[in-house]
Amino acid sequence: MSVRELSAAVTRPLVRMGAVAVAVTIGCGGEGEIDQPTPLLGQMPIEYPLHMWDQDMEGETLLRVRVSDTGSVDSVEIVESSGYQAFDSAAVVGAKKLRFTPARQNGKRIEVWAEVPVRFSKRPRPDTLAVAMSAR
């Protein structure tokens, strides 16, 4: 593997998920504060499209996902397009693989809709800088 290939393999998956915000609750009769779902740590199922990476393209897609009472995503909608079909498609496909801690209301797990911003960026994350630098 060349240094360029290794560097791309280390830095290419620079897809960032922003803060998850509960947008609408469904199937939760009753009032009460909702503990928001949170993405499980260590997962990154959203892949940066390689042809977009090679063209130095960046963008952000805002998604609306329905998080089930078990923490899986069972529905995904695009709220705001990045303007690039490849980014939007990659965000939707990856979001379907996301897992969350379930939202809760009055101690009971519930389904909720949550907004998830997905940023496709070529700028290295701080935790990948050391690995990328050592590959040179």
N, C-alpha and C. Protein backbone atom coordinates (compact mmCIF):
# COMPACT_ATOMS: atom_id res chain seq x y z
N MET A 1 0.85 -1.18 0.00
CA MET A 1 0.00 0.00 0.00
C MET A 1 0.89 1.24 0.00
N SER A 2 0.61 2.16 -0.90
CA SER A 2 1.41 3.38 -0.99
C SER A 2 1.05 4.32 0.16
N VAL A 3 1.89 5.32 0.37
CA VAL A 3 1.63 6.32 1.41
C VAL A 3 0.33 7.06 1.12
N ARG A 4 0.07 7.38 -0.16
CA ARG A 4 -1.17 8.07 -0.54
C ARG A 4 -2.40 7.21 -0.22
N GLU A 5 -2.32 5.92 -0.56
CA GLU A 5 -3.45 5.02 -0.28
C GLU A 5 -3.67 4.87 1.22
N LEU A 6 -2.57 4.73 1.97
CA LEU A 6 -2.67 4.61 3.42
C LEU A 6 -3.24 5.88 4.03
N SER A 7 -2.75 7.03 3.56
CA SER A 7 -3.26 8.30 4.07
C SER A 7 -4.74 8.45 3.76
N ALA A 8 -5.16 8.08 2.55
CA ALA A 8 -6.58 8.17 2.19
C ALA A 8 -7.41 7.21 3.03
N ALA A 9 -6.89 6.02 3.27
CA ALA A 9 -7.62 5.04 4.07
C ALA A 9 -7.81 5.52 5.50
N VAL A 10 -6.81 6.24 6.01
CA VAL A 10 -6.89 6.74 7.38
C VAL A 10 -7.77 7.98 7.48
N THR A 11 -7.65 8.88 6.49
CA THR A 11 -8.34 10.15 6.62
C THR A 11 -9.64 10.25 5.83
N ARG A 12 -9.89 9.38 4.86
CA ARG A 12 -11.08 9.51 4.02
C ARG A 12 -12.38 9.46 4.79
N PRO A 13 -12.55 8.60 5.77
CA PRO A 13 -13.86 8.57 6.41
C PRO A 13 -14.10 9.74 7.36
N LEU A 14 -13.91 10.96 6.87
CA LEU A 14 -14.11 12.13 7.70
C LEU A 14 -15.55 12.62 7.54
N VAL A 15 -16.42 11.84 8.09
CA VAL A 15 -17.82 12.18 8.08
C VAL A 15 -18.17 12.46 9.53
N ARG A 16 -18.73 13.62 9.76
CA ARG A 16 -19.05 14.00 11.14
C ARG A 16 -20.55 14.07 11.32
N MET A 17 -21.01 13.51 12.42
CA MET A 17 -22.41 13.65 12.77
C MET A 17 -22.51 14.74 13.82
N GLY A 18 -23.41 15.65 13.62
CA GLY A 18 -23.62 16.71 14.59
C GLY A 18 -24.48 16.24 15.74
N ALA A 19 -24.85 17.16 16.58
CA ALA A 19 -25.69 16.83 17.72
C ALA A 19 -27.05 16.36 17.24
N VAL A 20 -27.57 15.36 17.92
CA VAL A 20 -28.89 14.84 17.60
C VAL A 20 -29.92 15.62 18.39
N ALA A 21 -30.95 16.07 17.71
CA ALA A 21 -32.00 16.83 18.38
C ALA A 21 -33.35 16.18 18.12
N VAL A 22 -34.09 15.93 19.18
CA VAL A 22 -35.42 15.34 19.01
C VAL A 22 -36.32 16.38 18.37
N ALA A 23 -36.92 16.01 17.25
CA ALA A 23 -37.76 16.94 16.51
C ALA A 23 -39.24 16.74 16.83
N VAL A 24 -39.71 15.51 16.80
CA VAL A 24 -41.12 15.20 17.00
C VAL A 24 -41.20 13.86 17.70
N THR A 25 -42.11 13.71 18.60
CA THR A 25 -42.29 12.41 19.22
C THR A 25 -43.54 11.77 18.64
N ILE A 26 -43.50 10.44 18.55
CA ILE A 26 -44.67 9.72 18.09
C ILE A 26 -44.89 8.50 18.97
N GLY A 27 -46.10 8.10 19.08
CA GLY A 27 -46.43 6.90 19.83
C GLY A 27 -46.18 7.01 21.32
N CYS A 28 -46.18 8.23 21.83
CA CYS A 28 -45.91 8.39 23.26
C CYS A 28 -47.06 9.18 23.88
N GLY A 29 -48.08 8.49 24.23
CA GLY A 29 -49.21 9.18 24.85
C GLY A 29 -48.82 9.73 26.19
N GLY A 30 -49.19 10.94 26.47
CA GLY A 30 -48.89 11.51 27.78
C GLY A 30 -47.84 12.59 27.71
N GLU A 31 -47.79 13.33 28.78
CA GLU A 31 -46.85 14.43 28.89
C GLU A 31 -45.62 13.95 29.66
N GLY A 32 -44.58 14.73 29.59
CA GLY A 32 -43.38 14.43 30.36
C GLY A 32 -42.15 14.76 29.55
N GLU A 33 -41.07 14.99 30.27
CA GLU A 33 -39.81 15.31 29.63
C GLU A 33 -39.27 14.10 28.90
N ILE A 34 -38.65 14.35 27.75
CA ILE A 34 -38.11 13.26 26.95
C ILE A 34 -36.59 13.26 27.05
N ASP A 35 -36.03 12.12 27.44
CA ASP A 35 -34.58 11.94 27.40
C ASP A 35 -34.23 11.58 25.97
N GLN A 36 -33.43 12.42 25.32
CA GLN A 36 -33.14 12.27 23.90
C GLN A 36 -32.32 11.01 23.62
N PRO A 37 -32.48 10.47 22.40
CA PRO A 37 -31.61 9.36 22.00
C PRO A 37 -30.21 9.89 21.75
N THR A 38 -29.21 9.07 21.99
CA THR A 38 -27.83 9.46 21.70
C THR A 38 -27.17 8.38 20.86
N PRO A 39 -26.39 8.79 19.86
CA PRO A 39 -25.70 7.79 19.03
C PRO A 39 -24.73 6.98 19.87
N LEU A 40 -24.64 5.69 19.60
CA LEU A 40 -23.68 4.85 20.30
C LEU A 40 -22.27 5.23 19.85
N LEU A 41 -21.34 5.23 20.77
CA LEU A 41 -19.96 5.63 20.48
C LEU A 41 -19.25 4.58 19.64
N GLY A 42 -18.28 5.04 18.87
CA GLY A 42 -17.43 4.13 18.12
C GLY A 42 -17.98 3.67 16.79
N GLN A 43 -19.12 4.16 16.39
CA GLN A 43 -19.68 3.74 15.11
C GLN A 43 -19.53 4.85 14.08
N MET A 44 -19.31 4.49 12.84
CA MET A 44 -19.28 5.44 11.76
C MET A 44 -19.69 4.72 10.48
N PRO A 45 -20.97 4.39 10.37
CA PRO A 45 -21.42 3.64 9.19
C PRO A 45 -21.61 4.49 7.94
N ILE A 46 -21.38 5.80 8.04
CA ILE A 46 -21.58 6.67 6.90
C ILE A 46 -20.25 6.85 6.19
N GLU A 47 -20.20 6.42 4.91
CA GLU A 47 -18.96 6.46 4.16
C GLU A 47 -18.92 7.66 3.22
N TYR A 48 -17.75 8.27 3.16
CA TYR A 48 -17.51 9.39 2.24
C TYR A 48 -17.38 8.81 0.84
N PRO A 49 -18.21 9.21 -0.12
CA PRO A 49 -18.09 8.66 -1.47
C PRO A 49 -16.70 8.95 -2.05
N LEU A 50 -16.02 7.91 -2.47
CA LEU A 50 -14.63 8.04 -2.91
C LEU A 50 -14.47 9.01 -4.07
N HIS A 51 -15.38 8.97 -5.05
CA HIS A 51 -15.24 9.88 -6.19
C HIS A 51 -15.41 11.34 -5.77
N MET A 52 -16.19 11.59 -4.71
CA MET A 52 -16.34 12.95 -4.20
C MET A 52 -15.08 13.37 -3.45
N TRP A 53 -14.47 12.42 -2.75
CA TRP A 53 -13.21 12.65 -2.05
C TRP A 53 -12.13 13.06 -3.04
N ASP A 54 -12.04 12.30 -4.14
CA ASP A 54 -11.01 12.57 -5.15
C ASP A 54 -11.22 13.91 -5.84
N GLN A 55 -12.44 14.42 -5.86
CA GLN A 55 -12.74 15.71 -6.49
C GLN A 55 -12.69 16.87 -5.49
N ASP A 56 -12.25 16.59 -4.26
CA ASP A 56 -12.16 17.61 -3.20
C ASP A 56 -13.51 18.25 -2.89
N MET A 57 -14.57 17.47 -2.94
CA MET A 57 -15.92 17.97 -2.67
C MET A 57 -16.24 17.79 -1.18
N GLU A 58 -16.94 18.77 -0.63
CA GLU A 58 -17.40 18.70 0.75
C GLU A 58 -18.86 19.13 0.78
N GLY A 59 -19.57 18.75 1.81
CA GLY A 59 -20.96 19.16 1.94
C GLY A 59 -21.59 18.65 3.22
N GLU A 60 -22.83 19.08 3.45
CA GLU A 60 -23.56 18.66 4.65
C GLU A 60 -25.00 18.33 4.27
N THR A 61 -25.46 17.21 4.79
CA THR A 61 -26.83 16.77 4.60
C THR A 61 -27.51 16.73 5.96
N LEU A 62 -28.68 17.31 6.06
CA LEU A 62 -29.43 17.25 7.31
C LEU A 62 -30.50 16.18 7.15
N LEU A 63 -30.45 15.20 8.04
CA LEU A 63 -31.38 14.08 8.00
C LEU A 63 -32.38 14.14 9.15
N ARG A 64 -33.51 13.54 8.94
CA ARG A 64 -34.50 13.30 9.99
C ARG A 64 -34.65 11.79 10.07
N VAL A 65 -34.33 11.22 11.23
CA VAL A 65 -34.38 9.77 11.40
C VAL A 65 -35.38 9.40 12.49
N ARG A 66 -36.07 8.29 12.29
CA ARG A 66 -36.96 7.80 13.34
C ARG A 66 -36.21 6.73 14.11
N VAL A 67 -35.99 7.01 15.38
CA VAL A 67 -35.28 6.09 16.26
C VAL A 67 -36.33 5.28 17.00
N SER A 68 -36.26 3.96 16.83
CA SER A 68 -37.25 3.08 17.46
C SER A 68 -37.01 2.99 18.96
N ASP A 69 -37.93 2.33 19.64
CA ASP A 69 -37.79 2.16 21.09
C ASP A 69 -36.67 1.18 21.45
N THR A 70 -36.06 0.54 20.45
CA THR A 70 -34.90 -0.33 20.71
C THR A 70 -33.59 0.36 20.32
N GLY A 71 -33.67 1.57 19.74
CA GLY A 71 -32.48 2.33 19.38
C GLY A 71 -32.06 2.18 17.93
N SER A 72 -32.79 1.39 17.15
CA SER A 72 -32.45 1.26 15.73
C SER A 72 -33.15 2.35 14.93
N VAL A 73 -32.65 2.60 13.74
CA VAL A 73 -33.25 3.59 12.85
C VAL A 73 -34.14 2.83 11.87
N ASP A 74 -35.42 3.19 11.83
CA ASP A 74 -36.31 2.47 10.92
C ASP A 74 -36.84 3.35 9.79
N SER A 75 -36.48 4.63 9.77
CA SER A 75 -36.92 5.51 8.70
C SER A 75 -35.96 6.70 8.63
N VAL A 76 -35.66 7.14 7.40
CA VAL A 76 -34.75 8.27 7.20
C VAL A 76 -35.33 9.18 6.12
N GLU A 77 -35.30 10.48 6.38
CA GLU A 77 -35.73 11.49 5.42
C GLU A 77 -34.65 12.55 5.30
N ILE A 78 -34.52 13.12 4.11
CA ILE A 78 -33.59 14.24 3.92
C ILE A 78 -34.35 15.53 4.18
N VAL A 79 -33.89 16.30 5.16
CA VAL A 79 -34.50 17.59 5.48
C VAL A 79 -33.87 18.68 4.61
N GLU A 80 -32.53 18.67 4.53
CA GLU A 80 -31.80 19.63 3.69
C GLU A 80 -30.73 18.87 2.93
N SER A 81 -30.77 18.99 1.62
CA SER A 81 -29.79 18.32 0.76
C SER A 81 -28.45 19.06 0.80
N SER A 82 -27.40 18.30 0.60
CA SER A 82 -26.06 18.89 0.47
C SER A 82 -25.90 19.54 -0.90
N GLY A 83 -26.79 19.20 -1.81
CA GLY A 83 -26.67 19.66 -3.19
C GLY A 83 -25.99 18.63 -4.07
N TYR A 84 -25.54 17.53 -3.45
CA TYR A 84 -24.87 16.46 -4.17
C TYR A 84 -25.58 15.14 -3.87
N GLN A 85 -26.07 14.48 -4.91
CA GLN A 85 -26.80 13.23 -4.72
C GLN A 85 -25.93 12.17 -4.03
N ALA A 86 -24.64 12.14 -4.36
CA ALA A 86 -23.76 11.13 -3.77
C ALA A 86 -23.66 11.30 -2.25
N PHE A 87 -23.55 12.54 -1.76
CA PHE A 87 -23.49 12.77 -0.32
C PHE A 87 -24.82 12.42 0.34
N ASP A 88 -25.91 12.87 -0.28
CA ASP A 88 -27.23 12.61 0.29
C ASP A 88 -27.49 11.10 0.38
N SER A 89 -27.17 10.38 -0.68
CA SER A 89 -27.38 8.92 -0.71
C SER A 89 -26.53 8.23 0.34
N ALA A 90 -25.25 8.61 0.43
CA ALA A 90 -24.35 8.01 1.43
C ALA A 90 -24.85 8.27 2.84
N ALA A 91 -25.36 9.49 3.08
CA ALA A 91 -25.88 9.83 4.41
C ALA A 91 -27.09 8.97 4.75
N VAL A 92 -28.01 8.80 3.81
CA VAL A 92 -29.21 8.01 4.06
C VAL A 92 -28.86 6.54 4.30
N VAL A 93 -28.01 5.98 3.43
CA VAL A 93 -27.63 4.56 3.58
C VAL A 93 -26.94 4.33 4.93
N GLY A 94 -26.01 5.22 5.28
CA GLY A 94 -25.30 5.07 6.55
C GLY A 94 -26.19 5.29 7.76
N ALA A 95 -27.11 6.25 7.67
CA ALA A 95 -27.99 6.55 8.80
C ALA A 95 -28.87 5.36 9.16
N LYS A 96 -29.22 4.57 8.16
CA LYS A 96 -30.05 3.38 8.43
C LYS A 96 -29.31 2.36 9.28
N LYS A 97 -27.98 2.46 9.32
CA LYS A 97 -27.16 1.53 10.11
C LYS A 97 -26.83 2.08 11.50
N LEU A 98 -27.18 3.34 11.75
CA LEU A 98 -26.88 3.93 13.06
C LEU A 98 -27.65 3.23 14.17
N ARG A 99 -27.08 3.24 15.35
CA ARG A 99 -27.74 2.71 16.55
C ARG A 99 -27.65 3.76 17.64
N PHE A 100 -28.71 3.88 18.41
CA PHE A 100 -28.81 4.89 19.46
C PHE A 100 -29.21 4.24 20.77
N THR A 101 -28.93 4.95 21.86
CA THR A 101 -29.60 4.60 23.10
C THR A 101 -31.02 5.12 22.91
N PRO A 102 -32.03 4.34 23.25
CA PRO A 102 -33.41 4.78 22.99
C PRO A 102 -33.79 6.03 23.78
N ALA A 103 -34.69 6.81 23.20
CA ALA A 103 -35.26 7.95 23.93
C ALA A 103 -36.17 7.38 25.01
N ARG A 104 -36.35 8.15 26.07
CA ARG A 104 -37.22 7.70 27.17
C ARG A 104 -38.12 8.84 27.62
N GLN A 105 -39.32 8.46 28.00
CA GLN A 105 -40.26 9.41 28.59
C GLN A 105 -40.90 8.73 29.78
N ASN A 106 -40.77 9.36 30.94
CA ASN A 106 -41.27 8.78 32.19
C ASN A 106 -40.71 7.38 32.41
N GLY A 107 -39.44 7.18 32.05
CA GLY A 107 -38.77 5.90 32.26
C GLY A 107 -39.07 4.84 31.21
N LYS A 108 -39.96 5.12 30.29
CA LYS A 108 -40.34 4.15 29.27
C LYS A 108 -39.68 4.50 27.94
N ARG A 109 -39.14 3.48 27.26
CA ARG A 109 -38.53 3.70 25.95
C ARG A 109 -39.61 4.06 24.93
N ILE A 110 -39.31 5.06 24.09
CA ILE A 110 -40.29 5.51 23.10
C ILE A 110 -39.61 5.71 21.74
N GLU A 111 -40.42 5.75 20.69
CA GLU A 111 -39.94 6.11 19.36
C GLU A 111 -39.95 7.63 19.24
N VAL A 112 -38.94 8.16 18.56
CA VAL A 112 -38.89 9.61 18.32
C VAL A 112 -38.29 9.87 16.94
N TRP A 113 -38.59 11.04 16.41
CA TRP A 113 -37.91 11.55 15.23
C TRP A 113 -36.79 12.44 15.73
N ALA A 114 -35.62 12.33 15.14
CA ALA A 114 -34.47 13.15 15.53
C ALA A 114 -33.78 13.69 14.29
N GLU A 115 -33.25 14.90 14.39
CA GLU A 115 -32.48 15.48 13.29
C GLU A 115 -31.01 15.15 13.48
N VAL A 116 -30.36 14.73 12.39
CA VAL A 116 -28.96 14.36 12.42
C VAL A 116 -28.23 15.06 11.28
N PRO A 117 -27.41 16.07 11.59
CA PRO A 117 -26.60 16.69 10.53
C PRO A 117 -25.39 15.81 10.23
N VAL A 118 -25.12 15.58 8.95
CA VAL A 118 -23.98 14.76 8.53
C VAL A 118 -23.07 15.63 7.67
N ARG A 119 -21.86 15.85 8.12
CA ARG A 119 -20.90 16.72 7.42
C ARG A 119 -19.83 15.87 6.75
N PHE A 120 -19.68 16.02 5.45
CA PHE A 120 -18.63 15.36 4.69
C PHE A 120 -17.51 16.37 4.54
N SER A 121 -16.38 16.12 5.21
CA SER A 121 -15.30 17.09 5.24
C SER A 121 -13.96 16.40 5.01
N LYS A 122 -13.09 17.08 4.29
CA LYS A 122 -11.75 16.55 4.05
C LYS A 122 -10.77 17.00 5.14
N ARG A 123 -11.20 17.89 6.00
CA ARG A 123 -10.33 18.35 7.08
C ARG A 123 -10.20 17.23 8.11
N PRO A 124 -8.97 16.87 8.47
CA PRO A 124 -8.78 15.76 9.42
C PRO A 124 -9.36 16.06 10.79
N ARG A 125 -9.89 15.02 11.38
CA ARG A 125 -10.35 15.11 12.77
C ARG A 125 -9.11 15.07 13.65
N PRO A 126 -9.16 15.68 14.84
CA PRO A 126 -7.98 15.67 15.72
C PRO A 126 -7.48 14.27 16.04
N ASP A 127 -8.38 13.28 16.17
CA ASP A 127 -7.95 11.93 16.54
C ASP A 127 -7.32 11.17 15.37
N THR A 128 -7.36 11.69 14.13
CA THR A 128 -6.73 11.02 13.00
C THR A 128 -5.44 11.70 12.58
N LEU A 129 -5.15 12.87 13.12
CA LEU A 129 -3.94 13.61 12.72
C LEU A 129 -2.67 12.83 13.01
N ALA A 130 -2.53 12.26 14.18
CA ALA A 130 -1.31 11.56 14.56
C ALA A 130 -1.08 10.35 13.66
N VAL A 131 -2.12 9.62 13.32
CA VAL A 131 -1.98 8.44 12.46
C VAL A 131 -1.61 8.87 11.05
N ALA A 132 -2.24 9.92 10.53
CA ALA A 132 -1.95 10.40 9.19
C ALA A 132 -0.52 10.90 9.09
N MET A 133 -0.07 11.60 10.12
CA MET A 133 1.29 12.14 10.11
C MET A 133 2.32 11.02 10.18
N SER A 134 2.06 9.98 10.95
CA SER A 134 3.03 8.89 11.08
C SER A 134 3.11 8.05 9.81
N ALA A 135 2.10 8.14 8.92
CA ALA A 135 2.11 7.39 7.67
C ALA A 135 3.00 8.04 6.61
N ARG A 136 3.39 9.27 6.82
CA ARG A 136 4.20 10.00 5.82
C ARG A 136 5.63 9.57 5.85
